Amino acid sequence: LKKVVEHLEKAKAYAANGHQERMLTQYIASFTHGSIEAHKE
């Protein structure tokens, strides 16, 4: 999951809009902390 998060962070730099950027931010939080609530967001 550390490698997953690294590439999600890199993808954020090329997000097309705010929703994509916030989506990736929440996925990163989910995989970092183990939070399904963050993945839901």
PDB file of all heavy atoms in Angstrom:
ATOM      1  N   LEU A   1       0.824  -1.211   0.000  1.00  0.00           N
ATOM      2  CA  LEU A   1       0.000   0.000   0.000  1.00  0.00           C
ATOM      3  C   LEU A   1       0.857   1.260   0.000  1.00  0.00           C
ATOM      4  O   LEU A   1       0.420   2.311  -0.505  1.00  0.00           O
ATOM      5  CB  LEU A   1      -0.950  -0.012   1.196  1.00  0.00           C
ATOM      6  CG  LEU A   1      -2.040  -1.091   1.140  1.00  0.00           C
ATOM      7  CD1 LEU A   1      -2.903  -1.043   2.394  1.00  0.00           C
ATOM      8  CD2 LEU A   1      -2.909  -0.927  -0.097  1.00  0.00           C
ATOM      9  N   LYS A   2       2.068   1.175   0.516  1.00  0.00           N
ATOM     10  CA  LYS A   2       2.974   2.320   0.463  1.00  0.00           C
ATOM     11  C   LYS A   2       3.274   2.686  -0.987  1.00  0.00           C
ATOM     12  O   LYS A   2       3.300   3.868  -1.354  1.00  0.00           O
ATOM     13  CB  LYS A   2       4.267   2.004   1.213  1.00  0.00           C
ATOM     14  CG  LYS A   2       5.240   3.177   1.258  1.00  0.00           C
ATOM     15  CD  LYS A   2       6.496   2.827   2.045  1.00  0.00           C
ATOM     16  CE  LYS A   2       7.466   4.012   2.069  1.00  0.00           C
ATOM     17  NZ  LYS A   2       8.717   3.676   2.800  1.00  0.00           N
ATOM     18  N   LYS A   3       3.499   1.674  -1.850  1.00  0.00           N
ATOM     19  CA  LYS A   3       3.746   1.929  -3.267  1.00  0.00           C
ATOM     20  C   LYS A   3       2.487   2.465  -3.956  1.00  0.00           C
ATOM     21  O   LYS A   3       2.574   3.316  -4.847  1.00  0.00           O
ATOM     22  CB  LYS A   3       4.223   0.658  -3.961  1.00  0.00           C
ATOM     23  CG  LYS A   3       5.522   0.082  -3.425  1.00  0.00           C
ATOM     24  CD  LYS A   3       6.695   1.013  -3.646  1.00  0.00           C
ATOM     25  CE  LYS A   3       7.099   1.135  -5.093  1.00  0.00           C
ATOM     26  NZ  LYS A   3       8.330   1.939  -5.284  1.00  0.00           N
ATOM     27  N   VAL A   4       1.331   1.960  -3.551  1.00  0.00           N
ATOM     28  CA  VAL A   4       0.073   2.475  -4.097  1.00  0.00           C
ATOM     29  C   VAL A   4      -0.041   3.965  -3.809  1.00  0.00           C
ATOM     30  O   VAL A   4      -0.331   4.777  -4.700  1.00  0.00           O
ATOM     31  CB  VAL A   4      -1.133   1.715  -3.504  1.00  0.00           C
ATOM     32  CG1 VAL A   4      -2.447   2.360  -3.952  1.00  0.00           C
ATOM     33  CG2 VAL A   4      -1.103   0.253  -3.917  1.00  0.00           C
ATOM     34  N   VAL A   5       0.201   4.335  -2.567  1.00  0.00           N
ATOM     35  CA  VAL A   5       0.078   5.731  -2.149  1.00  0.00           C
ATOM     36  C   VAL A   5       1.072   6.611  -2.899  1.00  0.00           C
ATOM     37  O   VAL A   5       0.746   7.739  -3.309  1.00  0.00           O
ATOM     38  CB  VAL A   5       0.267   5.842  -0.620  1.00  0.00           C
ATOM     39  CG1 VAL A   5       0.492   7.283  -0.194  1.00  0.00           C
ATOM     40  CG2 VAL A   5      -0.954   5.267   0.093  1.00  0.00           C
ATOM     41  N   GLU A   6       2.287   6.132  -3.095  1.00  0.00           N
ATOM     42  CA  GLU A   6       3.294   6.919  -3.815  1.00  0.00           C
ATOM     43  C   GLU A   6       2.803   7.304  -5.209  1.00  0.00           C
ATOM     44  O   GLU A   6       2.970   8.449  -5.647  1.00  0.00           O
ATOM     45  CB  GLU A   6       4.600   6.130  -3.919  1.00  0.00           C
ATOM     46  CG  GLU A   6       5.370   6.018  -2.612  1.00  0.00           C
ATOM     47  CD  GLU A   6       6.598   5.137  -2.749  1.00  0.00           C
ATOM     48  OE1 GLU A   6       6.888   4.687  -3.888  1.00  0.00           O
ATOM     49  OE2 GLU A   6       7.262   4.891  -1.731  1.00  0.00           O
ATOM     50  N   HIS A   7       2.196   6.370  -5.909  1.00  0.00           N
ATOM     51  CA  HIS A   7       1.746   6.673  -7.269  1.00  0.00           C
ATOM     52  C   HIS A   7       0.442   7.455  -7.288  1.00  0.00           C
ATOM     53  O   HIS A   7       0.203   8.233  -8.227  1.00  0.00           O
ATOM     54  CB  HIS A   7       1.650   5.388  -8.085  1.00  0.00           C
ATOM     55  CG  HIS A   7       2.983   4.929  -8.585  1.00  0.00           C
ATOM     56  ND1 HIS A   7       3.617   5.512  -9.646  1.00  0.00           N
ATOM     57  CD2 HIS A   7       3.822   3.968  -8.127  1.00  0.00           C
ATOM     58  CE1 HIS A   7       4.780   4.924  -9.848  1.00  0.00           C
ATOM     59  NE2 HIS A   7       4.931   3.981  -8.941  1.00  0.00           N
ATOM     60  N   LEU A   8      -0.397   7.303  -6.287  1.00  0.00           N
ATOM     61  CA  LEU A   8      -1.575   8.166  -6.199  1.00  0.00           C
ATOM     62  C   LEU A   8      -1.150   9.607  -5.961  1.00  0.00           C
ATOM     63  O   LEU A   8      -1.769  10.544  -6.502  1.00  0.00           O
ATOM     64  CB  LEU A   8      -2.504   7.680  -5.083  1.00  0.00           C
ATOM     65  CG  LEU A   8      -3.202   6.338  -5.303  1.00  0.00           C
ATOM     66  CD1 LEU A   8      -4.067   5.985  -4.104  1.00  0.00           C
ATOM     67  CD2 LEU A   8      -4.040   6.337  -6.579  1.00  0.00           C
ATOM     68  N   GLU A   9      -0.106   9.813  -5.171  1.00  0.00           N
ATOM     69  CA  GLU A   9       0.429  11.162  -4.951  1.00  0.00           C
ATOM     70  C   GLU A   9       0.940  11.752  -6.261  1.00  0.00           C
ATOM     71  O   GLU A   9       0.707  12.927  -6.568  1.00  0.00           O
ATOM     72  CB  GLU A   9       1.562  11.131  -3.919  1.00  0.00           C
ATOM     73  CG  GLU A   9       1.113  10.904  -2.479  1.00  0.00           C
ATOM     74  CD  GLU A   9       0.549  12.160  -1.822  1.00  0.00           C
ATOM     75  OE1 GLU A   9       0.346  13.164  -2.547  1.00  0.00           O
ATOM     76  OE2 GLU A   9       0.295  12.128  -0.608  1.00  0.00           O
ATOM     77  N   LYS A  10       1.632  10.950  -7.057  1.00  0.00           N
ATOM     78  CA  LYS A  10       2.129  11.436  -8.340  1.00  0.00           C
ATOM     79  C   LYS A  10       0.990  11.741  -9.297  1.00  0.00           C
ATOM     80  O   LYS A  10       1.051  12.703 -10.068  1.00  0.00           O
ATOM     81  CB  LYS A  10       3.080  10.403  -8.950  1.00  0.00           C
ATOM     82  CG  LYS A  10       4.404  10.255  -8.200  1.00  0.00           C
ATOM     83  CD  LYS A  10       5.285   9.190  -8.838  1.00  0.00           C
ATOM     84  CE  LYS A  10       6.607   9.052  -8.084  1.00  0.00           C
ATOM     85  NZ  LYS A  10       7.482   8.005  -8.671  1.00  0.00           N
ATOM     86  N   ALA A  11      -0.063  10.926  -9.256  1.00  0.00           N
ATOM     87  CA  ALA A  11      -1.209  11.153 -10.147  1.00  0.00           C
ATOM     88  C   ALA A  11      -1.902  12.478  -9.835  1.00  0.00           C
ATOM     89  O   ALA A  11      -2.444  13.132 -10.739  1.00  0.00           O
ATOM     90  CB  ALA A  11      -2.192   9.994 -10.033  1.00  0.00           C
ATOM     91  N   LYS A  12      -1.885  12.893  -8.568  1.00  0.00           N
ATOM     92  CA  LYS A  12      -2.559  14.137  -8.175  1.00  0.00           C
ATOM     93  C   LYS A  12      -2.056  15.332  -8.972  1.00  0.00           C
ATOM     94  O   LYS A  12      -2.805  16.265  -9.251  1.00  0.00           O
ATOM     95  CB  LYS A  12      -2.368  14.399  -6.679  1.00  0.00           C
ATOM     96  CG  LYS A  12      -3.323  13.641  -5.779  1.00  0.00           C
ATOM     97  CD  LYS A  12      -3.023  13.884  -4.308  1.00  0.00           C
ATOM     98  CE  LYS A  12      -3.204  15.319  -3.904  1.00  0.00           C
ATOM     99  NZ  LYS A  12      -2.969  15.517  -2.454  1.00  0.00           N
ATOM    100  N   ALA A  13      -0.771  15.315  -9.334  1.00  0.00           N
ATOM    101  CA  ALA A  13      -0.198  16.444 -10.070  1.00  0.00           C
ATOM    102  C   ALA A  13      -0.840  16.615 -11.441  1.00  0.00           C
ATOM    103  O   ALA A  13      -0.744  17.694 -12.039  1.00  0.00           O
ATOM    104  CB  ALA A  13       1.309  16.254 -10.218  1.00  0.00           C
ATOM    105  N   TYR A  14      -1.499  15.567 -11.941  1.00  0.00           N
ATOM    106  CA  TYR A  14      -2.091  15.615 -13.277  1.00  0.00           C
ATOM    107  C   TYR A  14      -3.608  15.490 -13.235  1.00  0.00           C
ATOM    108  O   TYR A  14      -4.249  15.232 -14.270  1.00  0.00           O
ATOM    109  CB  TYR A  14      -1.478  14.506 -14.144  1.00  0.00           C
ATOM    110  CG  TYR A  14       0.026  14.578 -14.176  1.00  0.00           C
ATOM    111  CD1 TYR A  14       0.800  13.718 -13.394  1.00  0.00           C
ATOM    112  CD2 TYR A  14       0.676  15.542 -14.935  1.00  0.00           C
ATOM    113  CE1 TYR A  14       2.185  13.799 -13.386  1.00  0.00           C
ATOM    114  CE2 TYR A  14       2.060  15.633 -14.937  1.00  0.00           C
ATOM    115  CZ  TYR A  14       2.804  14.762 -14.161  1.00  0.00           C
ATOM    116  OH  TYR A  14       4.174  14.863 -14.163  1.00  0.00           O
ATOM    117  N   ALA A  15      -4.203  15.672 -12.070  1.00  0.00           N
ATOM    118  CA  ALA A  15      -5.658  15.606 -11.938  1.00  0.00           C
ATOM    119  C   ALA A  15      -6.299  16.697 -12.789  1.00  0.00           C
ATOM    120  O   ALA A  15      -5.792  17.827 -12.879  1.00  0.00           O
ATOM    121  CB  ALA A  15      -6.066  15.760 -10.481  1.00  0.00           C
ATOM    122  N   ALA A  16      -7.417  16.379 -13.405  1.00  0.00           N
ATOM    123  CA  ALA A  16      -8.071  17.311 -14.327  1.00  0.00           C
ATOM    124  C   ALA A  16      -8.927  18.347 -13.612  1.00  0.00           C
ATOM    125  O   ALA A  16      -9.253  19.386 -14.190  1.00  0.00           O
ATOM    126  CB  ALA A  16      -8.927  16.529 -15.325  1.00  0.00           C
ATOM    127  N   ASN A  17      -9.306  18.059 -12.356  1.00  0.00           N
ATOM    128  CA  ASN A  17     -10.185  18.989 -11.642  1.00  0.00           C
ATOM    129  C   ASN A  17     -10.093  18.739 -10.140  1.00  0.00           C
ATOM    130  O   ASN A  17      -9.408  17.814  -9.683  1.00  0.00           O
ATOM    131  CB  ASN A  17     -11.630  18.838 -12.122  1.00  0.00           C
ATOM    132  CG  ASN A  17     -12.124  17.403 -12.032  1.00  0.00           C
ATOM    133  OD1 ASN A  17     -12.051  16.770 -10.978  1.00  0.00           O
ATOM    134  ND2 ASN A  17     -12.622  16.877 -13.149  1.00  0.00           N
ATOM    135  N   GLY A  18     -10.795  19.567  -9.385  1.00  0.00           N
ATOM    136  CA  GLY A  18     -10.751  19.472  -7.931  1.00  0.00           C
ATOM    137  C   GLY A  18     -11.315  18.173  -7.397  1.00  0.00           C
ATOM    138  O   GLY A  18     -10.833  17.656  -6.376  1.00  0.00           O
ATOM    139  N   HIS A  19     -12.351  17.645  -8.050  1.00  0.00           N
ATOM    140  CA  HIS A  19     -12.928  16.385  -7.565  1.00  0.00           C
ATOM    141  C   HIS A  19     -11.908  15.254  -7.663  1.00  0.00           C
ATOM    142  O   HIS A  19     -11.789  14.431  -6.741  1.00  0.00           O
ATOM    143  CB  HIS A  19     -14.181  16.033  -8.365  1.00  0.00           C
ATOM    144  CG  HIS A  19     -15.395  16.817  -7.969  1.00  0.00           C
ATOM    145  ND1 HIS A  19     -15.819  16.917  -6.661  1.00  0.00           N
ATOM    146  CD2 HIS A  19     -16.262  17.558  -8.715  1.00  0.00           C
ATOM    147  CE1 HIS A  19     -16.912  17.673  -6.608  1.00  0.00           C
ATOM    148  NE2 HIS A  19     -17.190  18.069  -7.834  1.00  0.00           N
ATOM    149  N   GLN A  20     -11.187  15.195  -8.768  1.00  0.00           N
ATOM    150  CA  GLN A  20     -10.169  14.151  -8.898  1.00  0.00           C
ATOM    151  C   GLN A  20      -9.076  14.321  -7.850  1.00  0.00           C
ATOM    152  O   GLN A  20      -8.618  13.339  -7.260  1.00  0.00           O
ATOM    153  CB  GLN A  20      -9.562  14.179 -10.304  1.00  0.00           C
ATOM    154  CG  GLN A  20     -10.501  13.678 -11.387  1.00  0.00           C
ATOM    155  CD  GLN A  20      -9.862  13.651 -12.766  1.00  0.00           C
ATOM    156  OE1 GLN A  20      -8.689  13.994 -12.925  1.00  0.00           O
ATOM    157  NE2 GLN A  20     -10.628  13.252 -13.774  1.00  0.00           N
ATOM    158  N   GLU A  21      -8.668  15.556  -7.612  1.00  0.00           N
ATOM    159  CA  GLU A  21      -7.617  15.800  -6.626  1.00  0.00           C
ATOM    160  C   GLU A  21      -8.080  15.411  -5.230  1.00  0.00           C
ATOM    161  O   GLU A  21      -7.363  14.739  -4.479  1.00  0.00           O
ATOM    162  CB  GLU A  21      -7.211  17.272  -6.669  1.00  0.00           C
ATOM    163  CG  GLU A  21      -5.983  17.584  -5.834  1.00  0.00           C
ATOM    164  CD  GLU A  21      -5.491  18.994  -6.043  1.00  0.00           C
ATOM    165  OE1 GLU A  21      -5.940  19.665  -7.002  1.00  0.00           O
ATOM    166  OE2 GLU A  21      -4.654  19.439  -5.240  1.00  0.00           O
ATOM    167  N   ARG A  22      -9.305  15.813  -4.859  1.00  0.00           N
ATOM    168  CA  ARG A  22      -9.824  15.471  -3.521  1.00  0.00           C
ATOM    169  C   ARG A  22     -10.094  13.971  -3.406  1.00  0.00           C
ATOM    170  O   ARG A  22      -9.923  13.379  -2.338  1.00  0.00           O
ATOM    171  CB  ARG A  22     -11.084  16.293  -3.233  1.00  0.00           C
ATOM    172  CG  ARG A  22     -10.793  17.771  -3.004  1.00  0.00           C
ATOM    173  CD  ARG A  22     -12.013  18.537  -2.551  1.00  0.00           C
ATOM    174  NE  ARG A  22     -12.981  18.726  -3.610  1.00  0.00           N
ATOM    175  CZ  ARG A  22     -12.963  19.735  -4.481  1.00  0.00           C
ATOM    176  NH1 ARG A  22     -11.999  20.641  -4.438  1.00  0.00           N
ATOM    177  NH2 ARG A  22     -13.903  19.845  -5.414  1.00  0.00           N
ATOM    178  N   MET A  23     -10.536  13.356  -4.490  1.00  0.00           N
ATOM    179  CA  MET A  23     -10.735  11.903  -4.513  1.00  0.00           C
ATOM    180  C   MET A  23      -9.432  11.190  -4.175  1.00  0.00           C
ATOM    181  O   MET A  23      -9.389  10.307  -3.301  1.00  0.00           O
ATOM    182  CB  MET A  23     -11.218  11.483  -5.900  1.00  0.00           C
ATOM    183  CG  MET A  23     -11.234   9.993  -6.176  1.00  0.00           C
ATOM    184  SD  MET A  23     -11.550   9.619  -7.926  1.00  0.00           S
ATOM    185  CE  MET A  23      -9.926   9.941  -8.631  1.00  0.00           C
ATOM    186  N   LEU A  24      -8.349  11.568  -4.836  1.00  0.00           N
ATOM    187  CA  LEU A  24      -7.062  10.928  -4.595  1.00  0.00           C
ATOM    188  C   LEU A  24      -6.556  11.210  -3.188  1.00  0.00           C
ATOM    189  O   LEU A  24      -5.961  10.334  -2.551  1.00  0.00           O
ATOM    190  CB  LEU A  24      -6.051  11.397  -5.641  1.00  0.00           C
ATOM    191  CG  LEU A  24      -6.340  10.958  -7.080  1.00  0.00           C
ATOM    192  CD1 LEU A  24      -5.338  11.575  -8.039  1.00  0.00           C
ATOM    193  CD2 LEU A  24      -6.323   9.443  -7.203  1.00  0.00           C
ATOM    194  N   THR A  25      -6.798  12.414  -2.697  1.00  0.00           N
ATOM    195  CA  THR A  25      -6.395  12.747  -1.323  1.00  0.00           C
ATOM    196  C   THR A  25      -7.067  11.818  -0.323  1.00  0.00           C
ATOM    197  O   THR A  25      -6.431  11.321   0.623  1.00  0.00           O
ATOM    198  CB  THR A  25      -6.751  14.213  -1.005  1.00  0.00           C
ATOM    199  OG1 THR A  25      -6.007  15.079  -1.876  1.00  0.00           O
ATOM    200  CG2 THR A  25      -6.425  14.559   0.449  1.00  0.00           C
ATOM    201  N   GLN A  26      -8.349  11.559  -0.535  1.00  0.00           N
ATOM    202  CA  GLN A  26      -9.082  10.682   0.381  1.00  0.00           C
ATOM    203  C   GLN A  26      -8.647   9.225   0.227  1.00  0.00           C
ATOM    204  O   GLN A  26      -8.544   8.495   1.220  1.00  0.00           O
ATOM    205  CB  GLN A  26     -10.584  10.816   0.145  1.00  0.00           C
ATOM    206  CG  GLN A  26     -11.162  12.166   0.534  1.00  0.00           C
ATOM    207  CD  GLN A  26     -11.060  12.435   2.025  1.00  0.00           C
ATOM    208  OE1 GLN A  26     -11.069  11.519   2.847  1.00  0.00           O
ATOM    209  NE2 GLN A  26     -10.926  13.702   2.387  1.00  0.00           N
ATOM    210  N   TYR A  27      -8.380   8.782  -0.997  1.00  0.00           N
ATOM    211  CA  TYR A  27      -7.875   7.422  -1.177  1.00  0.00           C
ATOM    212  C   TYR A  27      -6.539   7.246  -0.459  1.00  0.00           C
ATOM    213  O   TYR A  27      -6.282   6.216   0.178  1.00  0.00           O
ATOM    214  CB  TYR A  27      -7.688   7.104  -2.661  1.00  0.00           C
ATOM    215  CG  TYR A  27      -8.957   6.955  -3.462  1.00  0.00           C
ATOM    216  CD1 TYR A  27      -8.919   6.964  -4.855  1.00  0.00           C
ATOM    217  CD2 TYR A  27     -10.202   6.814  -2.849  1.00  0.00           C
ATOM    218  CE1 TYR A  27     -10.068   6.826  -5.615  1.00  0.00           C
ATOM    219  CE2 TYR A  27     -11.352   6.684  -3.596  1.00  0.00           C
ATOM    220  CZ  TYR A  27     -11.288   6.691  -4.979  1.00  0.00           C
ATOM    221  OH  TYR A  27     -12.436   6.555  -5.718  1.00  0.00           O
ATOM    222  N   ILE A  28      -5.690   8.240  -0.576  1.00  0.00           N
ATOM    223  CA  ILE A  28      -4.393   8.184   0.094  1.00  0.00           C
ATOM    224  C   ILE A  28      -4.587   8.080   1.604  1.00  0.00           C
ATOM    225  O   ILE A  28      -3.929   7.280   2.277  1.00  0.00           O
ATOM    226  CB  ILE A  28      -3.551   9.424  -0.278  1.00  0.00           C
ATOM    227  CG1 ILE A  28      -3.107   9.317  -1.748  1.00  0.00           C
ATOM    228  CG2 ILE A  28      -2.339   9.572   0.643  1.00  0.00           C
ATOM    229  CD1 ILE A  28      -2.583  10.619  -2.325  1.00  0.00           C
ATOM    230  N   ALA A  29      -5.508   8.873   2.139  1.00  0.00           N
ATOM    231  CA  ALA A  29      -5.796   8.799   3.574  1.00  0.00           C
ATOM    232  C   ALA A  29      -6.335   7.433   3.957  1.00  0.00           C
ATOM    233  O   ALA A  29      -5.975   6.867   5.003  1.00  0.00           O
ATOM    234  CB  ALA A  29      -6.801   9.893   3.957  1.00  0.00           C
ATOM    235  N   SER A  30      -7.191   6.869   3.102  1.00  0.00           N
ATOM    236  CA  SER A  30      -7.771   5.557   3.392  1.00  0.00           C
ATOM    237  C   SER A  30      -6.700   4.481   3.465  1.00  0.00           C
ATOM    238  O   SER A  30      -6.646   3.700   4.419  1.00  0.00           O
ATOM    239  CB  SER A  30      -8.797   5.202   2.310  1.00  0.00           C
ATOM    240  OG  SER A  30      -9.274   3.880   2.479  1.00  0.00           O
ATOM    241  N   PHE A  31      -5.830   4.444   2.462  1.00  0.00           N
ATOM    242  CA  PHE A  31      -4.800   3.406   2.428  1.00  0.00           C
ATOM    243  C   PHE A  31      -3.714   3.651   3.473  1.00  0.00           C
ATOM    244  O   PHE A  31      -3.073   2.704   3.926  1.00  0.00           O
ATOM    245  CB  PHE A  31      -4.176   3.323   1.032  1.00  0.00           C
ATOM    246  CG  PHE A  31      -5.153   2.967  -0.045  1.00  0.00           C
ATOM    247  CD1 PHE A  31      -5.089   3.567  -1.295  1.00  0.00           C
ATOM    248  CD2 PHE A  31      -6.159   2.034   0.179  1.00  0.00           C
ATOM    249  CE1 PHE A  31      -5.993   3.244  -2.298  1.00  0.00           C
ATOM    250  CE2 PHE A  31      -7.070   1.704  -0.811  1.00  0.00           C
ATOM    251  CZ  PHE A  31      -6.989   2.318  -2.053  1.00  0.00           C
ATOM    252  N   THR A  32      -3.518   4.896   3.850  1.00  0.00           N
ATOM    253  CA  THR A  32      -2.512   5.203   4.868  1.00  0.00           C
ATOM    254  C   THR A  32      -2.988   4.806   6.255  1.00  0.00           C
ATOM    255  O   THR A  32      -2.255   4.182   7.025  1.00  0.00           O
ATOM    256  CB  THR A  32      -2.161   6.701   4.843  1.00  0.00           C
ATOM    257  OG1 THR A  32      -1.647   7.046   3.547  1.00  0.00           O
ATOM    258  CG2 THR A  32      -1.119   7.030   5.899  1.00  0.00           C
ATOM    259  N   HIS A  33      -4.221   5.154   6.585  1.00  0.00           N
ATOM    260  CA  HIS A  33      -4.742   4.953   7.939  1.00  0.00           C
ATOM    261  C   HIS A  33      -5.611   3.703   8.095  1.00  0.00           C
ATOM    262  O   HIS A  33      -5.939   3.328   9.224  1.00  0.00           O
ATOM    263  CB  HIS A  33      -5.565   6.176   8.364  1.00  0.00           C
ATOM    264  CG  HIS A  33      -4.779   7.447   8.441  1.00  0.00           C
ATOM    265  ND1 HIS A  33      -3.965   7.756   9.500  1.00  0.00           N
ATOM    266  CD2 HIS A  33      -4.678   8.475   7.570  1.00  0.00           C
ATOM    267  CE1 HIS A  33      -3.397   8.932   9.286  1.00  0.00           C
ATOM    268  NE2 HIS A  33      -3.815   9.394   8.123  1.00  0.00           N
ATOM    269  N   GLY A  34      -6.027   3.098   6.994  1.00  0.00           N
ATOM    270  CA  GLY A  34      -6.928   1.952   7.098  1.00  0.00           C
ATOM    271  C   GLY A  34      -8.370   2.355   7.276  1.00  0.00           C
ATOM    272  O   GLY A  34      -9.157   1.628   7.885  1.00  0.00           O
ATOM    273  N   SER A  35      -8.742   3.516   6.734  1.00  0.00           N
ATOM    274  CA  SER A  35     -10.076   4.067   6.966  1.00  0.00           C
ATOM    275  C   SER A  35     -11.013   3.852   5.790  1.00  0.00           C
ATOM    276  O   SER A  35     -10.785   4.380   4.699  1.00  0.00           O
ATOM    277  CB  SER A  35      -9.964   5.577   7.243  1.00  0.00           C
ATOM    278  OG  SER A  35     -11.235   6.182   7.207  1.00  0.00           O
ATOM    279  N   ILE A  36     -12.086   3.115   5.993  1.00  0.00           N
ATOM    280  CA  ILE A  36     -13.122   2.975   4.979  1.00  0.00           C
ATOM    281  C   ILE A  36     -13.911   4.274   4.856  1.00  0.00           C
ATOM    282  O   ILE A  36     -14.375   4.632   3.767  1.00  0.00           O
ATOM    283  CB  ILE A  36     -14.048   1.786   5.301  1.00  0.00           C
ATOM    284  CG1 ILE A  36     -13.299   0.469   5.105  1.00  0.00           C
ATOM    285  CG2 ILE A  36     -15.297   1.801   4.408  1.00  0.00           C
ATOM    286  CD1 ILE A  36     -12.816   0.211   3.686  1.00  0.00           C
ATOM    287  N   GLU A  37     -14.047   5.012   5.944  1.00  0.00           N
ATOM    288  CA  GLU A  37     -14.757   6.291   5.871  1.00  0.00           C
ATOM    289  C   GLU A  37     -14.064   7.242   4.901  1.00  0.00           C
ATOM    290  O   GLU A  37     -14.717   7.969   4.147  1.00  0.00           O
ATOM    291  CB  GLU A  37     -14.872   6.923   7.259  1.00  0.00           C
ATOM    292  CG  GLU A  37     -15.850   6.220   8.180  1.00  0.00           C
ATOM    293  CD  GLU A  37     -17.242   6.095   7.576  1.00  0.00           C
ATOM    294  OE1 GLU A  37     -17.749   7.104   7.036  1.00  0.00           O
ATOM    295  OE2 GLU A  37     -17.821   4.995   7.625  1.00  0.00           O
ATOM    296  N   ALA A  38     -12.722   7.261   4.911  1.00  0.00           N
ATOM    297  CA  ALA A  38     -11.993   8.103   3.957  1.00  0.00           C
ATOM    298  C   ALA A  38     -12.216   7.611   2.531  1.00  0.00           C
ATOM    299  O   ALA A  38     -12.353   8.410   1.600  1.00  0.00           O
ATOM    300  CB  ALA A  38     -10.504   8.115   4.296  1.00  0.00           C
ATOM    301  N   HIS A  39     -12.260   6.289   2.355  1.00  0.00           N
ATOM    302  CA  HIS A  39     -12.504   5.755   1.008  1.00  0.00           C
ATOM    303  C   HIS A  39     -13.915   6.104   0.550  1.00  0.00           C
ATOM    304  O   HIS A  39     -14.137   6.393  -0.632  1.00  0.00           O
ATOM    305  CB  HIS A  39     -12.299   4.240   0.990  1.00  0.00           C
ATOM    306  CG  HIS A  39     -12.182   3.679  -0.394  1.00  0.00           C
ATOM    307  ND1 HIS A  39     -13.276   3.193  -1.084  1.00  0.00           N
ATOM    308  CD2 HIS A  39     -11.118   3.552  -1.227  1.00  0.00           C
ATOM    309  CE1 HIS A  39     -12.883   2.772  -2.275  1.00  0.00           C
ATOM    310  NE2 HIS A  39     -11.577   2.979  -2.393  1.00  0.00           N
ATOM    311  N   LYS A  40     -14.863   6.107   1.463  1.00  0.00           N
ATOM    312  CA  LYS A  40     -16.220   6.524   1.116  1.00  0.00           C
ATOM    313  C   LYS A  40     -16.243   7.977   0.657  1.00  0.00           C
ATOM    314  O   LYS A  40     -16.905   8.324  -0.328  1.00  0.00           O
ATOM    315  CB  LYS A  40     -17.156   6.342   2.315  1.00  0.00           C
ATOM    316  CG  LYS A  40     -17.564   4.921   2.602  1.00  0.00           C
ATOM    317  CD  LYS A  40     -18.568   4.894   3.750  1.00  0.00           C
ATOM    318  CE  LYS A  40     -19.102   3.489   3.991  1.00  0.00           C
ATOM    319  NZ  LYS A  40     -20.109   3.466   5.076  1.00  0.00           N
ATOM    320  N   GLU A  41     -15.510   8.828   1.368  1.00  0.00           N
ATOM    321  CA  GLU A  41     -15.476  10.236   0.985  1.00  0.00           C
ATOM    322  C   GLU A  41     -14.816  10.396  -0.381  1.00  0.00           C
ATOM    323  O   GLU A  41     -15.268  11.191  -1.208  1.00  0.00           O
ATOM    324  CB  GLU A  41     -14.721  11.050   2.040  1.00  0.00           C
ATOM    325  CG  GLU A  41     -14.827  12.556   1.849  1.00  0.00           C
ATOM    326  CD  GLU A  41     -16.262  13.067   1.870  1.00  0.00           C
ATOM    327  OE1 GLU A  41     -17.121  12.473   2.573  1.00  0.00           O
ATOM    328  OE2 GLU A  41     -16.535  14.064   1.159  1.00  0.00           O
TER     329      GLU A  41
END
